[in-house]
Every structure is written in C-alpha cells, then in structure tokens.
Amino acid sequence: MHLGMTLTRARQAKRGEIASGVYCDDSDFSRSIYIVLCCYEHVRLLMSVAPTGTTWYIKDINIIYLFIDDLPERFTTEEALKADDIYGYG
C-alpha cells in the first residue's frame, strides 16, 4: 500500500496537482502490485539458487497471491489490514 501511495503522490506531483486528500487510483495500485510481484518472483529465484545448508523461514511462498485474491475489487486501508491479519503476512 505504501508503494501505491508513493506512486500516487509522484503522479500528482508530476501533474502539479498535490491535493490534501490522496487516493490511490487503479493505475497506481496496479503498477505497485506489478512491482511487488516482480520483486517477489526475483526473491523466489534467488532463494532457489541459495547455497545448500542455508535456512529460510517461509510459511507459504504463495501467501501474497492469496492475500491479493481475497481483497474485494474496491477496499479501504482498514479492510486490507484486516485481510493482512488473517494471512499473517505483515
């Protein structure tokens, strides 16, 4: 969510329209999800080539996908945090 809001502010600043009420629109949210999932896939790749004997503590590497799939099309920050609590991701 922080990345989405950062992208929102950057987009607004570029247009010169900084408002007091800031809302992450669909394009900013989609871009942030794309960036996060891309980074996630890179981490999975790096973990797959880690030296033998390295210990990684991961509950479920696909939990972020479950978290995103569980969110409604439109949601508030509070709803996202509640879903995060259910999955124990954050």
N, C-alpha and C. Protein backbone atom coordinates (compact mmCIF):
# COMPACT_ATOMS: atom_id res chain seq x y z
N MET A 1 0.81 -1.19 0.00
CA MET A 1 0.00 0.00 0.00
C MET A 1 0.86 1.26 0.00
N HIS A 2 1.99 1.20 0.69
CA HIS A 2 2.87 2.37 0.73
C HIS A 2 3.39 2.68 -0.67
N LEU A 3 3.73 1.65 -1.41
CA LEU A 3 4.24 1.86 -2.76
C LEU A 3 3.16 2.49 -3.64
N GLY A 4 1.93 2.02 -3.52
CA GLY A 4 0.83 2.58 -4.30
C GLY A 4 0.63 4.06 -4.00
N MET A 5 0.68 4.42 -2.74
CA MET A 5 0.51 5.82 -2.37
C MET A 5 1.70 6.67 -2.82
N THR A 6 2.90 6.09 -2.81
CA THR A 6 4.08 6.80 -3.30
C THR A 6 3.93 7.08 -4.80
N LEU A 7 3.46 6.08 -5.54
CA LEU A 7 3.22 6.27 -6.97
C LEU A 7 2.13 7.32 -7.21
N THR A 8 1.12 7.32 -6.37
CA THR A 8 0.04 8.31 -6.50
C THR A 8 0.59 9.72 -6.31
N ARG A 9 1.37 9.91 -5.26
CA ARG A 9 1.95 11.24 -5.00
C ARG A 9 2.89 11.65 -6.12
N ALA A 10 3.68 10.71 -6.64
CA ALA A 10 4.61 11.03 -7.73
C ALA A 10 3.82 11.46 -8.97
N ARG A 11 2.74 10.76 -9.27
CA ARG A 11 1.91 11.11 -10.42
C ARG A 11 1.30 12.49 -10.22
N GLN A 12 0.79 12.76 -9.02
CA GLN A 12 0.19 14.06 -8.74
C GLN A 12 1.23 15.18 -8.82
N ALA A 13 2.41 14.94 -8.29
CA ALA A 13 3.47 15.96 -8.32
C ALA A 13 3.88 16.27 -9.76
N LYS A 14 3.95 15.24 -10.58
CA LYS A 14 4.31 15.44 -11.99
C LYS A 14 3.28 16.32 -12.69
N ARG A 15 2.03 16.16 -12.32
CA ARG A 15 0.96 16.98 -12.91
C ARG A 15 0.81 18.33 -12.21
N GLY A 16 1.47 18.49 -11.06
CA GLY A 16 1.37 19.73 -10.30
C GLY A 16 0.05 19.86 -9.56
N GLU A 17 -0.54 18.76 -9.17
CA GLU A 17 -1.86 18.80 -8.53
C GLU A 17 -1.86 18.08 -7.17
N ILE A 18 -1.05 18.57 -6.25
CA ILE A 18 -1.00 17.98 -4.92
C ILE A 18 -2.24 18.39 -4.14
N ALA A 19 -3.05 17.42 -3.77
CA ALA A 19 -4.29 17.67 -3.03
C ALA A 19 -4.12 17.18 -1.60
N SER A 20 -4.94 17.70 -0.70
CA SER A 20 -4.85 17.27 0.70
C SER A 20 -5.40 15.85 0.88
N GLY A 21 -6.45 15.51 0.16
CA GLY A 21 -6.99 14.15 0.20
C GLY A 21 -6.39 13.33 -0.93
N VAL A 22 -5.66 12.30 -0.58
CA VAL A 22 -4.98 11.50 -1.60
C VAL A 22 -5.58 10.11 -1.65
N TYR A 23 -5.93 9.69 -2.86
CA TYR A 23 -6.48 8.35 -3.06
C TYR A 23 -5.71 7.65 -4.15
N CYS A 24 -5.31 6.44 -3.87
CA CYS A 24 -4.59 5.62 -4.84
C CYS A 24 -5.59 5.14 -5.88
N ASP A 25 -5.37 5.50 -7.15
CA ASP A 25 -6.31 5.04 -8.18
C ASP A 25 -5.90 3.67 -8.70
N ASP A 26 -6.72 3.11 -9.57
CA ASP A 26 -6.48 1.75 -10.06
C ASP A 26 -5.14 1.61 -10.77
N SER A 27 -4.75 2.62 -11.54
CA SER A 27 -3.48 2.52 -12.27
C SER A 27 -2.29 2.50 -11.32
N ASP A 28 -2.32 3.32 -10.28
CA ASP A 28 -1.23 3.34 -9.29
C ASP A 28 -1.18 2.01 -8.53
N PHE A 29 -2.36 1.51 -8.16
CA PHE A 29 -2.42 0.25 -7.44
C PHE A 29 -1.91 -0.90 -8.31
N SER A 30 -2.34 -0.93 -9.57
CA SER A 30 -1.90 -1.99 -10.49
C SER A 30 -0.40 -1.96 -10.69
N ARG A 31 0.15 -0.76 -10.84
CA ARG A 31 1.61 -0.64 -11.00
C ARG A 31 2.34 -1.12 -9.76
N SER A 32 1.83 -0.76 -8.59
CA SER A 32 2.51 -1.18 -7.35
C SER A 32 2.44 -2.69 -7.18
N ILE A 33 1.30 -3.30 -7.50
CA ILE A 33 1.18 -4.76 -7.42
C ILE A 33 2.15 -5.41 -8.40
N TYR A 34 2.25 -4.87 -9.61
CA TYR A 34 3.17 -5.41 -10.61
C TYR A 34 4.60 -5.36 -10.09
N ILE A 35 5.01 -4.23 -9.51
CA ILE A 35 6.37 -4.09 -8.98
C ILE A 35 6.60 -5.08 -7.84
N VAL A 36 5.66 -5.18 -6.92
CA VAL A 36 5.81 -6.09 -5.78
C VAL A 36 5.90 -7.54 -6.24
N LEU A 37 5.03 -7.94 -7.16
CA LEU A 37 5.05 -9.33 -7.63
C LEU A 37 6.32 -9.63 -8.43
N CYS A 38 6.82 -8.66 -9.16
CA CYS A 38 8.08 -8.83 -9.89
C CYS A 38 9.22 -9.05 -8.90
N CYS A 39 9.28 -8.22 -7.86
CA CYS A 39 10.31 -8.38 -6.82
C CYS A 39 10.16 -9.72 -6.12
N TYR A 40 8.93 -10.10 -5.87
CA TYR A 40 8.65 -11.39 -5.21
C TYR A 40 9.20 -12.55 -6.04
N GLU A 41 8.98 -12.51 -7.35
CA GLU A 41 9.49 -13.57 -8.23
C GLU A 41 11.01 -13.59 -8.24
N HIS A 42 11.64 -12.42 -8.17
CA HIS A 42 13.10 -12.37 -8.11
C HIS A 42 13.60 -13.00 -6.81
N VAL A 43 12.93 -12.74 -5.71
CA VAL A 43 13.31 -13.33 -4.44
C VAL A 43 13.19 -14.85 -4.50
N ARG A 44 12.09 -15.33 -5.10
CA ARG A 44 11.93 -16.79 -5.25
C ARG A 44 13.07 -17.38 -6.06
N LEU A 45 13.47 -16.71 -7.14
CA LEU A 45 14.58 -17.18 -7.95
C LEU A 45 15.88 -17.21 -7.15
N LEU A 46 16.16 -16.14 -6.42
CA LEU A 46 17.37 -16.09 -5.61
C LEU A 46 17.38 -17.17 -4.55
N MET A 47 16.22 -17.41 -3.97
CA MET A 47 16.14 -18.45 -2.94
C MET A 47 16.36 -19.84 -3.52
N SER A 48 15.98 -20.01 -4.79
CA SER A 48 16.12 -21.34 -5.40
C SER A 48 17.59 -21.66 -5.71
N VAL A 49 18.44 -20.66 -5.78
CA VAL A 49 19.85 -20.90 -6.07
C VAL A 49 20.75 -20.64 -4.85
N ALA A 50 20.14 -20.48 -3.69
CA ALA A 50 20.91 -20.25 -2.46
C ALA A 50 21.77 -21.48 -2.15
N PRO A 51 22.91 -21.25 -1.55
CA PRO A 51 23.79 -22.38 -1.21
C PRO A 51 23.09 -23.39 -0.30
N THR A 52 23.46 -24.65 -0.46
CA THR A 52 22.90 -25.70 0.37
C THR A 52 23.24 -25.44 1.83
N GLY A 53 22.29 -25.73 2.70
CA GLY A 53 22.51 -25.51 4.11
C GLY A 53 21.99 -24.16 4.59
N THR A 54 21.58 -23.32 3.65
CA THR A 54 21.01 -22.03 4.02
C THR A 54 19.61 -22.26 4.56
N THR A 55 19.29 -21.64 5.66
CA THR A 55 17.97 -21.81 6.27
C THR A 55 17.09 -20.62 5.95
N TRP A 56 15.93 -20.89 5.39
CA TRP A 56 14.94 -19.87 5.08
C TRP A 56 13.67 -20.20 5.83
N TYR A 57 13.09 -19.23 6.48
CA TYR A 57 11.86 -19.44 7.23
C TYR A 57 10.70 -18.80 6.48
N ILE A 58 9.98 -19.58 5.73
CA ILE A 58 8.85 -19.10 4.97
C ILE A 58 7.65 -19.99 5.26
N LYS A 59 6.55 -19.37 5.66
CA LYS A 59 5.34 -20.13 5.94
C LYS A 59 4.75 -20.69 4.65
N ASP A 60 4.50 -19.81 3.70
CA ASP A 60 3.87 -20.20 2.44
C ASP A 60 4.27 -19.16 1.40
N ILE A 61 5.05 -19.57 0.41
CA ILE A 61 5.56 -18.59 -0.54
C ILE A 61 4.48 -18.02 -1.45
N ASN A 62 3.30 -18.63 -1.48
CA ASN A 62 2.22 -18.12 -2.33
C ASN A 62 1.20 -17.30 -1.56
N ILE A 63 1.49 -16.96 -0.30
CA ILE A 63 0.50 -16.29 0.54
C ILE A 63 0.13 -14.89 0.02
N ILE A 64 1.06 -14.22 -0.64
CA ILE A 64 0.75 -12.89 -1.16
C ILE A 64 -0.33 -12.98 -2.23
N TYR A 65 -0.30 -14.03 -3.04
CA TYR A 65 -1.34 -14.21 -4.06
C TYR A 65 -2.70 -14.46 -3.40
N LEU A 66 -2.72 -15.25 -2.33
CA LEU A 66 -3.97 -15.50 -1.61
C LEU A 66 -4.50 -14.20 -1.01
N PHE A 67 -3.60 -13.41 -0.46
CA PHE A 67 -3.97 -12.12 0.13
C PHE A 67 -4.61 -11.22 -0.92
N ILE A 68 -3.98 -11.08 -2.07
CA ILE A 68 -4.50 -10.21 -3.14
C ILE A 68 -5.82 -10.73 -3.67
N ASP A 69 -5.92 -12.05 -3.87
CA ASP A 69 -7.17 -12.64 -4.37
C ASP A 69 -8.32 -12.46 -3.41
N ASP A 70 -8.03 -12.36 -2.12
CA ASP A 70 -9.08 -12.25 -1.12
C ASP A 70 -9.63 -10.82 -0.99
N LEU A 71 -8.91 -9.85 -1.51
CA LEU A 71 -9.38 -8.47 -1.43
C LEU A 71 -10.51 -8.23 -2.42
N PRO A 72 -11.51 -7.46 -2.02
CA PRO A 72 -12.57 -7.11 -2.97
C PRO A 72 -12.03 -6.14 -4.03
N GLU A 73 -12.79 -5.90 -5.08
CA GLU A 73 -12.34 -5.01 -6.15
C GLU A 73 -12.05 -3.61 -5.61
N ARG A 74 -12.89 -3.14 -4.70
CA ARG A 74 -12.67 -1.85 -4.03
C ARG A 74 -12.57 -2.13 -2.54
N PHE A 75 -11.55 -1.57 -1.90
CA PHE A 75 -11.36 -1.82 -0.48
C PHE A 75 -10.69 -0.62 0.17
N THR A 76 -10.85 -0.53 1.48
CA THR A 76 -10.21 0.53 2.25
C THR A 76 -8.91 0.01 2.85
N THR A 77 -8.12 0.91 3.37
CA THR A 77 -6.89 0.51 4.05
C THR A 77 -7.20 -0.42 5.20
N GLU A 78 -8.25 -0.11 5.94
CA GLU A 78 -8.62 -0.93 7.09
C GLU A 78 -8.97 -2.36 6.66
N GLU A 79 -9.69 -2.49 5.54
CA GLU A 79 -10.04 -3.82 5.04
C GLU A 79 -8.80 -4.60 4.60
N ALA A 80 -7.85 -3.91 3.99
CA ALA A 80 -6.61 -4.56 3.57
C ALA A 80 -5.80 -5.01 4.78
N LEU A 81 -5.75 -4.16 5.80
CA LEU A 81 -5.02 -4.54 7.02
C LEU A 81 -5.69 -5.71 7.73
N LYS A 82 -7.01 -5.75 7.69
CA LYS A 82 -7.73 -6.87 8.30
C LYS A 82 -7.42 -8.16 7.54
N ALA A 83 -7.40 -8.11 6.21
CA ALA A 83 -7.05 -9.28 5.41
C ALA A 83 -5.61 -9.69 5.69
N ASP A 84 -4.73 -8.71 5.87
CA ASP A 84 -3.33 -8.99 6.19
C ASP A 84 -3.23 -9.73 7.51
N ASP A 85 -4.05 -9.35 8.49
CA ASP A 85 -4.06 -10.03 9.78
C ASP A 85 -4.48 -11.49 9.65
N ILE A 86 -5.41 -11.75 8.75
CA ILE A 86 -5.90 -13.12 8.54
C ILE A 86 -4.78 -14.01 8.03
N TYR A 87 -4.00 -13.51 7.07
CA TYR A 87 -2.94 -14.31 6.48
C TYR A 87 -1.64 -14.26 7.26
N GLY A 88 -1.52 -13.29 8.13
CA GLY A 88 -0.30 -13.19 8.94
C GLY A 88 0.93 -12.84 8.12
N TYR A 89 0.71 -12.14 7.00
CA TYR A 89 1.83 -11.83 6.10
C TYR A 89 2.68 -10.70 6.65
N GLY A 90 2.03 -9.64 7.18
CA GLY A 90 2.79 -8.45 7.56
C GLY A 90 3.08 -8.34 8.96
